[in-house]
Amino acid sequence: MSPSQPAGAADPDRFVAAVRRELPELALDRRDEEIADLGSEACASMRAKDQDTLSAYGVTPSQAQQLRTVARADLCP
């Protein structure tokens, strides 16, 4: 987190790093921008309470749950 970034603020770089570390099979062959987009979609799915939106990105239900957990910690406002 940069010094100017308040605690609890969205941190796409930290999110991408966490996904690469915790979900390497999901990060495989995806650019950082694509992983960040998955995070944004995970945040949107939580706000909309739509648990199936990530399947359009080739994410399994189990991966989607893990992705939402990481996004909740590092990305979602």
PDB file of N, CA and C in Angstrom:
ATOM      1  N   MET A   1       0.862  -1.173   0.000  1.00  0.00           N
ATOM      2  CA  MET A   1       0.000   0.000   0.000  1.00  0.00           C
ATOM      3  C   MET A   1       0.899   1.223   0.000  1.00  0.00           C
ATOM      4  N   SER A   2       0.575   2.199  -0.817  1.00  0.00           N
ATOM      5  CA  SER A   2       1.382   3.410  -0.855  1.00  0.00           C
ATOM      6  C   SER A   2       1.068   4.268   0.359  1.00  0.00           C
ATOM      7  N   PRO A   3       2.023   5.126   0.760  1.00  0.00           N
ATOM      8  CA  PRO A   3       1.794   5.964   1.946  1.00  0.00           C
ATOM      9  C   PRO A   3       0.586   6.873   1.817  1.00  0.00           C
ATOM     10  N   SER A   4       0.241   7.272   0.584  1.00  0.00           N
ATOM     11  CA  SER A   4      -0.890   8.178   0.409  1.00  0.00           C
ATOM     12  C   SER A   4      -2.231   7.448   0.361  1.00  0.00           C
ATOM     13  N   GLN A   5      -2.191   6.126   0.326  1.00  0.00           N
ATOM     14  CA  GLN A   5      -3.424   5.354   0.225  1.00  0.00           C
ATOM     15  C   GLN A   5      -3.950   5.036   1.615  1.00  0.00           C
ATOM     16  N   PRO A   6      -5.196   5.410   1.894  1.00  0.00           N
ATOM     17  CA  PRO A   6      -5.748   5.139   3.217  1.00  0.00           C
ATOM     18  C   PRO A   6      -5.923   3.647   3.457  1.00  0.00           C
ATOM     19  N   ALA A   7      -5.851   3.253   4.717  1.00  0.00           N
ATOM     20  CA  ALA A   7      -6.073   1.854   5.077  1.00  0.00           C
ATOM     21  C   ALA A   7      -7.471   1.444   4.637  1.00  0.00           C
ATOM     22  N   GLY A   8      -7.582   0.236   4.116  1.00  0.00           N
ATOM     23  CA  GLY A   8      -8.871  -0.279   3.697  1.00  0.00           C
ATOM     24  C   GLY A   8      -9.274   0.132   2.294  1.00  0.00           C
ATOM     25  N   ALA A   9      -8.432   0.930   1.617  1.00  0.00           N
ATOM     26  CA  ALA A   9      -8.744   1.346   0.254  1.00  0.00           C
ATOM     27  C   ALA A   9      -8.461   0.203  -0.707  1.00  0.00           C
ATOM     28  N   ALA A  10      -9.132   0.232  -1.844  1.00  0.00           N
ATOM     29  CA  ALA A  10      -8.922  -0.777  -2.867  1.00  0.00           C
ATOM     30  C   ALA A  10      -7.478  -0.735  -3.342  1.00  0.00           C
ATOM     31  N   ASP A  11      -6.867  -1.903  -3.478  1.00  0.00           N
ATOM     32  CA  ASP A  11      -5.483  -1.997  -3.907  1.00  0.00           C
ATOM     33  C   ASP A  11      -5.372  -3.070  -4.985  1.00  0.00           C
ATOM     34  N   PRO A  12      -5.552  -2.691  -6.257  1.00  0.00           N
ATOM     35  CA  PRO A  12      -5.509  -3.676  -7.339  1.00  0.00           C
ATOM     36  C   PRO A  12      -4.192  -4.446  -7.397  1.00  0.00           C
ATOM     37  N   ASP A  13      -3.067  -3.788  -7.122  1.00  0.00           N
ATOM     38  CA  ASP A  13      -1.780  -4.481  -7.172  1.00  0.00           C
ATOM     39  C   ASP A  13      -1.701  -5.569  -6.103  1.00  0.00           C
ATOM     40  N   ARG A  14      -2.170  -5.250  -4.914  1.00  0.00           N
ATOM     41  CA  ARG A  14      -2.166  -6.245  -3.839  1.00  0.00           C
ATOM     42  C   ARG A  14      -3.121  -7.392  -4.168  1.00  0.00           C
ATOM     43  N   PHE A  15      -4.261  -7.062  -4.773  1.00  0.00           N
ATOM     44  CA  PHE A  15      -5.219  -8.085  -5.181  1.00  0.00           C
ATOM     45  C   PHE A  15      -4.596  -9.027  -6.212  1.00  0.00           C
ATOM     46  N   VAL A  16      -3.965  -8.465  -7.230  1.00  0.00           N
ATOM     47  CA  VAL A  16      -3.341  -9.282  -8.274  1.00  0.00           C
ATOM     48  C   VAL A  16      -2.272 -10.192  -7.660  1.00  0.00           C
ATOM     49  N   ALA A  17      -1.455  -9.651  -6.785  1.00  0.00           N
ATOM     50  CA  ALA A  17      -0.410 -10.448  -6.128  1.00  0.00           C
ATOM     51  C   ALA A  17      -1.029 -11.586  -5.312  1.00  0.00           C
ATOM     52  N   ALA A  18      -2.110 -11.288  -4.607  1.00  0.00           N
ATOM     53  CA  ALA A  18      -2.774 -12.311  -3.795  1.00  0.00           C
ATOM     54  C   ALA A  18      -3.364 -13.407  -4.670  1.00  0.00           C
ATOM     55  N   VAL A  19      -3.964 -13.039  -5.796  1.00  0.00           N
ATOM     56  CA  VAL A  19      -4.531 -14.042  -6.704  1.00  0.00           C
ATOM     57  C   VAL A  19      -3.409 -14.898  -7.281  1.00  0.00           C
ATOM     58  N   ARG A  20      -2.316 -14.285  -7.691  1.00  0.00           N
ATOM     59  CA  ARG A  20      -1.186 -15.051  -8.233  1.00  0.00           C
ATOM     60  C   ARG A  20      -0.646 -16.032  -7.186  1.00  0.00           C
ATOM     61  N   ARG A  21      -0.651 -15.635  -5.924  1.00  0.00           N
ATOM     62  CA  ARG A  21      -0.126 -16.471  -4.837  1.00  0.00           C
ATOM     63  C   ARG A  21      -1.128 -17.554  -4.429  1.00  0.00           C
ATOM     64  N   GLU A  22      -2.401 -17.179  -4.268  1.00  0.00           N
ATOM     65  CA  GLU A  22      -3.394 -18.081  -3.693  1.00  0.00           C
ATOM     66  C   GLU A  22      -4.181 -18.887  -4.727  1.00  0.00           C
ATOM     67  N   LEU A  23      -4.265 -18.380  -5.945  1.00  0.00           N
ATOM     68  CA  LEU A  23      -5.024 -19.048  -7.009  1.00  0.00           C
ATOM     69  C   LEU A  23      -4.184 -19.115  -8.287  1.00  0.00           C
ATOM     70  N   PRO A  24      -3.027 -19.771  -8.229  1.00  0.00           N
ATOM     71  CA  PRO A  24      -2.138 -19.768  -9.397  1.00  0.00           C
ATOM     72  C   PRO A  24      -2.785 -20.351 -10.654  1.00  0.00           C
ATOM     73  N   GLU A  25      -3.678 -21.329 -10.482  1.00  0.00           N
ATOM     74  CA  GLU A  25      -4.333 -21.920 -11.652  1.00  0.00           C
ATOM     75  C   GLU A  25      -5.268 -20.917 -12.329  1.00  0.00           C
ATOM     76  N   LEU A  26      -5.799 -19.984 -11.574  1.00  0.00           N
ATOM     77  CA  LEU A  26      -6.670 -18.953 -12.123  1.00  0.00           C
ATOM     78  C   LEU A  26      -5.849 -17.842 -12.775  1.00  0.00           C
ATOM     79  N   ALA A  27      -4.683 -17.578 -12.224  1.00  0.00           N
ATOM     80  CA  ALA A  27      -3.823 -16.510 -12.734  1.00  0.00           C
ATOM     81  C   ALA A  27      -3.040 -16.941 -13.976  1.00  0.00           C
ATOM     82  N   LEU A  28      -2.899 -18.231 -14.176  1.00  0.00           N
ATOM     83  CA  LEU A  28      -2.124 -18.760 -15.290  1.00  0.00           C
ATOM     84  C   LEU A  28      -2.617 -18.198 -16.624  1.00  0.00           C
ATOM     85  N   ASP A  29      -1.696 -17.680 -17.394  1.00  0.00           N
ATOM     86  CA  ASP A  29      -1.992 -17.132 -18.731  1.00  0.00           C
ATOM     87  C   ASP A  29      -2.871 -15.886 -18.709  1.00  0.00           C
ATOM     88  N   ARG A  30      -2.991 -15.228 -17.569  1.00  0.00           N
ATOM     89  CA  ARG A  30      -3.752 -13.975 -17.498  1.00  0.00           C
ATOM     90  C   ARG A  30      -2.808 -12.839 -17.154  1.00  0.00           C
ATOM     91  N   ARG A  31      -2.988 -11.718 -17.841  1.00  0.00           N
ATOM     92  CA  ARG A  31      -2.212 -10.511 -17.534  1.00  0.00           C
ATOM     93  C   ARG A  31      -2.749  -9.894 -16.246  1.00  0.00           C
ATOM     94  N   ASP A  32      -1.927  -9.045 -15.623  1.00  0.00           N
ATOM     95  CA  ASP A  32      -2.346  -8.376 -14.393  1.00  0.00           C
ATOM     96  C   ASP A  32      -3.664  -7.636 -14.583  1.00  0.00           C
ATOM     97  N   GLU A  33      -3.821  -6.994 -15.741  1.00  0.00           N
ATOM     98  CA  GLU A  33      -5.050  -6.235 -16.008  1.00  0.00           C
ATOM     99  C   GLU A  33      -6.266  -7.152 -16.049  1.00  0.00           C
ATOM    100  N   GLU A  34      -6.087  -8.342 -16.602  1.00  0.00           N
ATOM    101  CA  GLU A  34      -7.200  -9.295 -16.666  1.00  0.00           C
ATOM    102  C   GLU A  34      -7.568  -9.795 -15.270  1.00  0.00           C
ATOM    103  N   ILE A  35      -6.572 -10.017 -14.433  1.00  0.00           N
ATOM    104  CA  ILE A  35      -6.840 -10.450 -13.058  1.00  0.00           C
ATOM    105  C   ILE A  35      -7.545  -9.329 -12.292  1.00  0.00           C
ATOM    106  N   ALA A  36      -7.103  -8.095 -12.490  1.00  0.00           N
ATOM    107  CA  ALA A  36      -7.764  -6.961 -11.838  1.00  0.00           C
ATOM    108  C   ALA A  36      -9.215  -6.854 -12.302  1.00  0.00           C
ATOM    109  N   ASP A  37      -9.465  -7.113 -13.590  1.00  0.00           N
ATOM    110  CA  ASP A  37     -10.839  -7.096 -14.099  1.00  0.00           C
ATOM    111  C   ASP A  37     -11.685  -8.180 -13.423  1.00  0.00           C
ATOM    112  N   LEU A  38     -11.091  -9.361 -13.214  1.00  0.00           N
ATOM    113  CA  LEU A  38     -11.811 -10.418 -12.490  1.00  0.00           C
ATOM    114  C   LEU A  38     -12.168  -9.945 -11.085  1.00  0.00           C
ATOM    115  N   GLY A  39     -11.247  -9.213 -10.463  1.00  0.00           N
ATOM    116  CA  GLY A  39     -11.516  -8.679  -9.134  1.00  0.00           C
ATOM    117  C   GLY A  39     -12.666  -7.699  -9.141  1.00  0.00           C
ATOM    118  N   SER A  40     -12.685  -6.833 -10.129  1.00  0.00           N
ATOM    119  CA  SER A  40     -13.790  -5.874 -10.245  1.00  0.00           C
ATOM    120  C   SER A  40     -15.111  -6.605 -10.429  1.00  0.00           C
ATOM    121  N   GLU A  41     -15.087  -7.652 -11.236  1.00  0.00           N
ATOM    122  CA  GLU A  41     -16.293  -8.442 -11.461  1.00  0.00           C
ATOM    123  C   GLU A  41     -16.707  -9.171 -10.181  1.00  0.00           C
ATOM    124  N   ALA A  42     -15.718  -9.640  -9.412  1.00  0.00           N
ATOM    125  CA  ALA A  42     -16.023 -10.303  -8.139  1.00  0.00           C
ATOM    126  C   ALA A  42     -16.693  -9.323  -7.178  1.00  0.00           C
ATOM    127  N   CYS A  43     -16.176  -8.098  -7.124  1.00  0.00           N
ATOM    128  CA  CYS A  43     -16.787  -7.076  -6.266  1.00  0.00           C
ATOM    129  C   CYS A  43     -18.220  -6.784  -6.720  1.00  0.00           C
ATOM    130  N   ALA A  44     -18.406  -6.653  -8.035  1.00  0.00           N
ATOM    131  CA  ALA A  44     -19.741  -6.379  -8.573  1.00  0.00           C
ATOM    132  C   ALA A  44     -20.696  -7.529  -8.268  1.00  0.00           C
ATOM    133  N   SER A  45     -20.205  -8.763  -8.349  1.00  0.00           N
ATOM    134  CA  SER A  45     -21.077  -9.915  -8.078  1.00  0.00           C
ATOM    135  C   SER A  45     -21.503  -9.944  -6.617  1.00  0.00           C
ATOM    136  N   MET A  46     -20.619  -9.493  -5.730  1.00  0.00           N
ATOM    137  CA  MET A  46     -21.007  -9.443  -4.310  1.00  0.00           C
ATOM    138  C   MET A  46     -22.042  -8.359  -4.071  1.00  0.00           C
ATOM    139  N   ARG A  47     -21.856  -7.197  -4.712  1.00  0.00           N
ATOM    140  CA  ARG A  47     -22.836  -6.107  -4.541  1.00  0.00           C
ATOM    141  C   ARG A  47     -24.192  -6.512  -5.097  1.00  0.00           C
ATOM    142  N   ALA A  48     -24.188  -7.222  -6.233  1.00  0.00           N
ATOM    143  CA  ALA A  48     -25.438  -7.626  -6.876  1.00  0.00           C
ATOM    144  C   ALA A  48     -25.999  -8.924  -6.298  1.00  0.00           C
ATOM    145  N   LYS A  49     -25.208  -9.549  -5.425  1.00  0.00           N
ATOM    146  CA  LYS A  49     -25.589 -10.849  -4.852  1.00  0.00           C
ATOM    147  C   LYS A  49     -25.850 -11.875  -5.944  1.00  0.00           C
ATOM    148  N   ASP A  50     -25.064 -11.779  -7.026  1.00  0.00           N
ATOM    149  CA  ASP A  50     -25.152 -12.706  -8.149  1.00  0.00           C
ATOM    150  C   ASP A  50     -23.881 -13.541  -8.154  1.00  0.00           C
ATOM    151  N   GLN A  51     -23.989 -14.752  -7.673  1.00  0.00           N
ATOM    152  CA  GLN A  51     -22.819 -15.601  -7.495  1.00  0.00           C
ATOM    153  C   GLN A  51     -22.355 -16.285  -8.781  1.00  0.00           C
ATOM    154  N   ASP A  52     -23.050 -16.097  -9.890  1.00  0.00           N
ATOM    155  CA  ASP A  52     -22.730 -16.837 -11.106  1.00  0.00           C
ATOM    156  C   ASP A  52     -22.035 -15.995 -12.175  1.00  0.00           C
ATOM    157  N   THR A  53     -21.839 -14.715 -11.959  1.00  0.00           N
ATOM    158  CA  THR A  53     -21.301 -13.864 -13.026  1.00  0.00           C
ATOM    159  C   THR A  53     -19.884 -14.230 -13.422  1.00  0.00           C
ATOM    160  N   LEU A  54     -19.104 -14.798 -12.539  1.00  0.00           N
ATOM    161  CA  LEU A  54     -17.714 -15.112 -12.855  1.00  0.00           C
ATOM    162  C   LEU A  54     -17.573 -16.329 -13.756  1.00  0.00           C
ATOM    163  N   SER A  55     -18.619 -17.136 -13.881  1.00  0.00           N
ATOM    164  CA  SER A  55     -18.534 -18.315 -14.739  1.00  0.00           C
ATOM    165  C   SER A  55     -18.321 -17.925 -16.202  1.00  0.00           C
ATOM    166  N   ALA A  56     -18.760 -16.749 -16.591  1.00  0.00           N
ATOM    167  CA  ALA A  56     -18.554 -16.278 -17.959  1.00  0.00           C
ATOM    168  C   ALA A  56     -17.072 -16.057 -18.273  1.00  0.00           C
ATOM    169  N   TYR A  57     -16.261 -15.979 -17.228  1.00  0.00           N
ATOM    170  CA  TYR A  57     -14.815 -15.775 -17.385  1.00  0.00           C
ATOM    171  C   TYR A  57     -14.045 -17.079 -17.229  1.00  0.00           C
ATOM    172  N   GLY A  58     -14.752 -18.197 -17.209  1.00  0.00           N
ATOM    173  CA  GLY A  58     -14.097 -19.489 -17.064  1.00  0.00           C
ATOM    174  C   GLY A  58     -13.674 -19.803 -15.647  1.00  0.00           C
ATOM    175  N   VAL A  59     -14.340 -19.184 -14.681  1.00  0.00           N
ATOM    176  CA  VAL A  59     -14.026 -19.376 -13.267  1.00  0.00           C
ATOM    177  C   VAL A  59     -15.017 -20.387 -12.689  1.00  0.00           C
ATOM    178  N   THR A  60     -14.497 -21.415 -12.044  1.00  0.00           N
ATOM    179  CA  THR A  60     -15.365 -22.418 -11.432  1.00  0.00           C
ATOM    180  C   THR A  60     -16.030 -21.825 -10.183  1.00  0.00           C
ATOM    181  N   PRO A  61     -17.126 -22.428  -9.721  1.00  0.00           N
ATOM    182  CA  PRO A  61     -17.767 -21.929  -8.494  1.00  0.00           C
ATOM    183  C   PRO A  61     -16.808 -21.887  -7.301  1.00  0.00           C
ATOM    184  N   SER A  62     -15.965 -22.883  -7.169  1.00  0.00           N
ATOM    185  CA  SER A  62     -14.992 -22.915  -6.067  1.00  0.00           C
ATOM    186  C   SER A  62     -13.979 -21.774  -6.203  1.00  0.00           C
ATOM    187  N   GLN A  63     -13.475 -21.568  -7.419  1.00  0.00           N
ATOM    188  CA  GLN A  63     -12.539 -20.467  -7.653  1.00  0.00           C
ATOM    189  C   GLN A  63     -13.220 -19.125  -7.425  1.00  0.00           C
ATOM    190  N   ALA A  64     -14.482 -19.021  -7.831  1.00  0.00           N
ATOM    191  CA  ALA A  64     -15.217 -17.768  -7.666  1.00  0.00           C
ATOM    192  C   ALA A  64     -15.337 -17.408  -6.190  1.00  0.00           C
ATOM    193  N   GLN A  65     -15.598 -18.406  -5.358  1.00  0.00           N
ATOM    194  CA  GLN A  65     -15.700 -18.152  -3.919  1.00  0.00           C
ATOM    195  C   GLN A  65     -14.372 -17.666  -3.373  1.00  0.00           C
ATOM    196  N   GLN A  66     -13.279 -18.307  -3.767  1.00  0.00           N
ATOM    197  CA  GLN A  66     -11.949 -17.884  -3.319  1.00  0.00           C
ATOM    198  C   GLN A  66     -11.626 -16.488  -3.841  1.00  0.00           C
ATOM    199  N   LEU A  67     -11.985 -16.230  -5.090  1.00  0.00           N
ATOM    200  CA  LEU A  67     -11.718 -14.928  -5.695  1.00  0.00           C
ATOM    201  C   LEU A  67     -12.474 -13.828  -4.957  1.00  0.00           C
ATOM    202  N   ARG A  68     -13.727 -14.095  -4.602  1.00  0.00           N
ATOM    203  CA  ARG A  68     -14.504 -13.106  -3.848  1.00  0.00           C
ATOM    204  C   ARG A  68     -13.892 -12.859  -2.477  1.00  0.00           C
ATOM    205  N   THR A  69     -13.367 -13.903  -1.848  1.00  0.00           N
ATOM    206  CA  THR A  69     -12.725 -13.731  -0.544  1.00  0.00           C
ATOM    207  C   THR A  69     -11.508 -12.834  -0.653  1.00  0.00           C
ATOM    208  N   VAL A  70     -10.678 -13.062  -1.659  1.00  0.00           N
ATOM    209  CA  VAL A  70      -9.485 -12.233  -1.860  1.00  0.00           C
ATOM    210  C   VAL A  70      -9.898 -10.805  -2.223  1.00  0.00           C
ATOM    211  N   ALA A  71     -10.899 -10.684  -3.094  1.00  0.00           N
ATOM    212  CA  ALA A  71     -11.357  -9.350  -3.507  1.00  0.00           C
ATOM    213  C   ALA A  71     -11.913  -8.578  -2.316  1.00  0.00           C
ATOM    214  N   ARG A  72     -12.645  -9.244  -1.451  1.00  0.00           N
ATOM    215  CA  ARG A  72     -13.214  -8.587  -0.276  1.00  0.00           C
ATOM    216  C   ARG A  72     -12.105  -8.030   0.614  1.00  0.00           C
ATOM    217  N   ALA A  73     -10.986  -8.739   0.720  1.00  0.00           N
ATOM    218  CA  ALA A  73      -9.883  -8.316   1.573  1.00  0.00           C
ATOM    219  C   ALA A  73      -9.033  -7.212   0.945  1.00  0.00           C
ATOM    220  N   ASP A  74      -8.856  -7.251  -0.389  1.00  0.00           N
ATOM    221  CA  ASP A  74      -7.868  -6.385  -1.018  1.00  0.00           C
ATOM    222  C   ASP A  74      -8.416  -5.390  -2.032  1.00  0.00           C
ATOM    223  N   LEU A  75      -9.647  -5.548  -2.460  1.00  0.00           N
ATOM    224  CA  LEU A  75     -10.078  -4.740  -3.599  1.00  0.00           C
ATOM    225  C   LEU A  75     -11.415  -4.040  -3.423  1.00  0.00           C
ATOM    226  N   CYS A  76     -12.401  -4.740  -2.940  1.00  0.00           N
ATOM    227  CA  CYS A  76     -13.751  -4.172  -2.900  1.00  0.00           C
ATOM    228  C   CYS A  76     -13.853  -3.061  -1.858  1.00  0.00           C
ATOM    229  N   PRO A  77     -14.446  -1.947  -2.269  1.00  0.00           N
ATOM    230  CA  PRO A  77     -14.625  -0.826  -1.308  1.00  0.00           C
ATOM    231  C   PRO A  77     -15.676  -1.148  -0.264  1.00  0.00           C
TER     232      PRO A  77
END
